[in-house]
Structure formats: structure tokens, C-alpha cells
Amino acid sequence: MPLLQRISTHFDEHQLTVQAAADSLAQPLAAAIERLTHCLFSNRRILVCGLGASHDDAVLLVRSLCDRFELDRPPLAGLLLAAPAGADALYVIKQLQALAHPGDTLVLLTGDYDDEALACALVDTAHSLDMAVIALTRPAWTVSAPRLIPRLQPWGTVTIPFLVTALPARSRRMQRTQA
């Protein structure tokens, strides 16, 4: 198959896949957006953890919350949980225990080859801290949380703009400090 035809076929297949996913992801995305909006309006924070290759998606999400995404607005409360190179796998769990407060929300992003046991431990820790969890995980995993969004590679780059643009431009904390 000639190169231009392969490229065109790839785009056509991608478009069909995205369209098919729209039906299955619309409801879970709406639920995730409602959860994140409630978190922000309750003066809570969004803690984001990306395991393995999903770390870049987590950085994108936190940067979009704290800086801005497609609109000029004050920063929203987003924290990145990340382990430095060479750190123990439990480092992220320790970060979660140190930084989380009841009512915060954990957004967990994972890829196909990430540590399922670590993902489950993060979810269990978040629940023990009275946090809500939005998990973008591999569909076959049995994470002990209602998985609002199944993880389908590379859906992080597709779902993150939806999550961020649908969030309110201000949280209740910002409205009080600017009044």
C-alpha cells in the first residue's frame, strides 16, 4: 500500500474509532466532570497521578488545571503526584497520604503495561482518605472503585480537553478571594 494511502487509511480508522467511542464515553465523561466540578466548588483539590506512560497525560491535566486551557482563567486546584526516578513504587502512595484531604478527588491514569497492584493500592488509599476516584484505567483491570472512565490507549489526550474545558472557570475559593 502506498504511503499516502496508508496515512489516509490511518486517519479514517482513527475517526471511526473516535466516533464509536463517543457513545460509550459521553456518560462517563459527564459523571467525571460533575465530580470534578463538585470537588472544586467544595474548596477541594484534584490530585492527579499518571502511572508509566500515562505520566505525560497527568502532567498535561495538571498543567491545564493550574495554568489554563483554551481560555484565560485563574488557576484551579490541581496537584501532580509523581515519583522521582529510582524512587520506590510506594512513593506515590506516600505522597497521596501526605497531601490528600477528605473530599479531594484522585484522577488516576494508567496504561496497558502499568502495575495493576499499585493502581489498586492508590485507589484503596484514596478511599481510606475519604476521597473520590476517577480512574482512567485499562478496562480488564479490577480496580476497587467505580471506574467512571475506562482507559483506552491513547484516550488521555482525547478526554483531558473535555474534562478541563467543561470545568467551571472559577472555584468557590476564587470567588471569595476576588470579592
Protein backbone atom coordinates (compact mmCIF):
# COMPACT_ATOMS: atom_id res chain seq x y z
CA MET A 1 0.00 0.00 0.00
CA PRO A 2 1.46 3.41 -0.94
CA LEU A 3 2.45 5.71 1.91
CA LEU A 4 -0.22 8.39 1.28
CA GLN A 5 -2.95 5.76 1.14
CA ARG A 6 -1.71 4.21 4.43
CA ILE A 7 -1.77 7.63 6.09
CA SER A 8 -5.26 8.35 4.79
CA THR A 9 -6.49 4.92 5.93
CA HIS A 10 -5.00 5.51 9.37
CA PHE A 11 -6.88 8.82 9.74
CA ASP A 12 -10.13 7.24 8.51
CA GLU A 13 -9.83 4.39 11.03
CA HIS A 14 -8.99 6.83 13.82
CA GLN A 15 -12.05 8.94 13.02
CA LEU A 16 -14.29 5.85 13.10
CA THR A 17 -12.81 4.77 16.43
CA VAL A 18 -13.33 8.20 17.99
CA GLN A 19 -16.92 8.31 16.74
CA ALA A 20 -17.62 4.84 18.16
CA ALA A 21 -16.08 5.84 21.49
CA ALA A 22 -18.20 8.99 21.71
CA ASP A 23 -21.28 6.93 22.55
CA SER A 24 -19.59 4.92 25.28
CA LEU A 25 -17.55 7.78 26.79
CA ALA A 26 -20.13 10.58 26.87
CA GLN A 27 -21.90 9.45 30.07
CA PRO A 28 -18.72 8.57 31.99
CA LEU A 29 -17.11 11.88 30.96
CA ALA A 30 -20.17 13.80 32.14
CA ALA A 31 -20.03 11.99 35.50
CA ALA A 32 -16.31 12.74 35.83
CA ILE A 33 -16.84 16.42 35.01
CA GLU A 34 -19.64 16.66 37.58
CA ARG A 35 -17.39 15.03 40.21
CA LEU A 36 -14.50 17.40 39.48
CA THR A 37 -16.80 20.44 39.47
CA HIS A 38 -18.25 19.40 42.84
CA CYS A 39 -14.72 18.94 44.17
CA LEU A 40 -13.65 22.44 43.11
CA PHE A 41 -16.81 24.15 44.38
CA SER A 42 -16.34 22.39 47.72
CA ASN A 43 -12.89 24.04 48.05
CA ARG A 44 -11.15 20.71 47.49
CA ARG A 45 -8.30 19.74 45.23
CA ILE A 46 -7.80 17.44 42.29
CA LEU A 47 -4.79 15.15 42.78
CA VAL A 48 -3.61 13.56 39.54
CA CYS A 49 -1.39 10.50 39.17
CA GLY A 50 -0.26 9.02 35.88
CA LEU A 51 1.47 5.66 36.04
CA GLY A 52 4.09 4.74 33.45
CA ALA A 53 3.44 6.19 30.01
CA SER A 54 0.34 7.96 31.36
CA HIS A 55 2.55 10.28 33.41
CA ASP A 56 2.63 12.72 30.47
CA ASP A 57 -1.18 12.76 30.37
CA ALA A 58 -1.21 13.54 34.11
CA VAL A 59 1.23 16.42 33.59
CA LEU A 60 -0.99 17.76 30.79
CA LEU A 61 -4.08 17.59 33.00
CA VAL A 62 -2.46 19.36 35.97
CA ARG A 63 -0.89 21.98 33.73
CA SER A 64 -4.27 22.60 32.12
CA LEU A 65 -5.90 22.99 35.54
CA CYS A 66 -3.23 25.23 37.04
CA ASP A 67 -2.28 27.30 34.03
CA ARG A 68 -5.22 27.41 31.65
CA PHE A 69 -6.66 25.55 28.73
CA GLU A 70 -8.24 27.36 25.77
CA LEU A 71 -9.50 30.20 27.97
CA ASP A 72 -7.95 32.78 30.22
CA ARG A 73 -8.97 31.98 33.79
CA PRO A 74 -7.49 31.82 37.27
CA PRO A 75 -5.75 28.54 38.20
CA LEU A 76 -7.77 25.61 39.50
CA ALA A 77 -6.55 23.42 42.38
CA GLY A 78 -4.65 20.57 40.75
CA LEU A 79 -1.66 18.68 42.17
CA LEU A 80 0.56 16.19 40.37
CA LEU A 81 1.59 13.04 42.24
CA ALA A 82 4.81 11.73 40.73
CA ALA A 83 7.74 9.61 41.81
CA PRO A 84 11.27 10.75 41.02
CA ALA A 85 13.48 8.38 39.05
CA GLY A 86 14.68 5.50 41.20
CA ALA A 87 12.03 6.01 43.88
CA ASP A 88 10.14 3.14 45.45
CA ALA A 89 6.77 2.39 43.82
CA LEU A 90 5.08 3.22 47.12
CA TYR A 91 6.40 6.80 46.93
CA VAL A 92 3.23 7.95 45.15
CA ILE A 93 1.05 6.34 47.83
CA LYS A 94 3.04 8.20 50.49
CA GLN A 95 2.52 11.45 48.57
CA LEU A 96 -1.20 10.75 48.46
CA GLN A 97 -1.30 10.11 52.20
CA ALA A 98 0.64 13.31 52.92
CA LEU A 99 -1.24 15.67 50.61
CA ALA A 100 -4.82 14.44 50.40
CA HIS A 101 -7.76 15.69 52.45
CA PRO A 102 -11.25 14.25 52.72
CA GLY A 103 -13.33 15.43 49.81
CA ASP A 104 -10.40 15.74 47.39
CA THR A 105 -10.57 13.78 44.14
CA LEU A 106 -7.90 11.45 42.77
CA VAL A 107 -7.66 11.20 38.99
CA LEU A 108 -5.69 8.05 38.20
CA LEU A 109 -4.41 7.47 34.67
CA THR A 110 -2.82 4.16 33.72
CA GLY A 111 -1.62 2.45 30.57
CA ASP A 112 -1.63 -1.09 29.29
CA TYR A 113 1.58 -2.20 30.98
CA ASP A 114 1.39 -0.41 34.30
CA ASP A 115 1.33 -2.04 37.70
CA GLU A 116 -2.27 -3.04 38.42
CA ALA A 117 -1.47 -3.75 42.09
CA LEU A 118 -0.08 -0.21 42.52
CA ALA A 119 -3.16 1.27 40.84
CA CYS A 120 -5.44 -0.71 43.16
CA ALA A 121 -3.37 0.35 46.19
CA LEU A 122 -3.71 4.01 45.16
CA VAL A 123 -7.48 3.65 44.82
CA ASP A 124 -7.76 1.87 48.18
CA THR A 125 -5.63 4.57 49.84
CA ALA A 126 -7.77 7.31 48.31
CA HIS A 127 -10.93 5.63 49.58
CA SER A 128 -9.44 5.27 53.06
CA LEU A 129 -8.80 9.03 53.00
CA ASP A 130 -12.44 9.70 52.03
CA MET A 131 -11.57 10.79 48.52
CA ALA A 132 -13.49 10.30 45.30
CA VAL A 133 -11.68 8.49 42.49
CA ILE A 134 -11.87 8.92 38.75
CA ALA A 135 -9.85 6.13 37.17
CA LEU A 136 -8.90 6.08 33.53
CA THR A 137 -7.67 2.50 33.57
CA ARG A 138 -7.27 -0.49 31.41
CA PRO A 139 -10.79 -2.00 31.01
CA ALA A 140 -9.73 -5.52 32.07
CA TRP A 141 -8.43 -4.33 35.45
CA THR A 142 -10.43 -4.91 38.58
CA VAL A 143 -9.78 -1.62 40.35
CA SER A 144 -11.89 -1.47 43.51
CA ALA A 145 -13.57 1.79 42.55
CA PRO A 146 -16.37 2.62 40.21
CA ARG A 147 -14.33 3.31 37.12
CA LEU A 148 -16.02 6.35 35.67
CA ILE A 149 -13.92 6.28 32.53
CA PRO A 150 -12.42 3.12 31.06
CA ARG A 151 -8.86 3.62 29.96
CA LEU A 152 -8.42 3.10 26.25
CA GLN A 153 -4.99 3.97 24.87
CA PRO A 154 -4.42 6.85 24.00
CA TRP A 155 -7.64 8.36 25.34
CA GLY A 156 -5.88 10.62 27.82
CA THR A 157 -5.12 13.10 25.08
CA VAL A 158 -8.74 12.92 23.93
CA THR A 159 -10.52 13.05 27.30
CA ILE A 160 -8.33 15.63 29.08
CA PRO A 161 -9.53 18.56 26.93
CA PHE A 162 -13.14 17.54 27.61
CA LEU A 163 -12.51 17.38 31.35
CA VAL A 164 -10.74 20.71 31.54
CA THR A 165 -12.90 22.83 29.22
CA ALA A 166 -16.10 21.72 30.93
CA LEU A 167 -14.89 22.69 34.41
CA PRO A 168 -16.04 26.00 35.83
CA ALA A 169 -13.77 28.95 35.17
CA ARG A 170 -13.71 29.67 38.90
CA SER A 171 -13.98 27.72 42.09
CA ARG A 172 -15.79 28.96 45.17
CA ARG A 173 -12.43 29.77 46.82
CA MET A 174 -11.52 32.09 43.94
CA GLN A 175 -14.91 33.80 44.03
CA ARG A 176 -14.47 34.62 47.75
CA THR A 177 -10.92 35.93 47.39
CA GLN A 178 -11.81 38.18 44.47
CA ALA A 179 -14.93 39.62 46.12
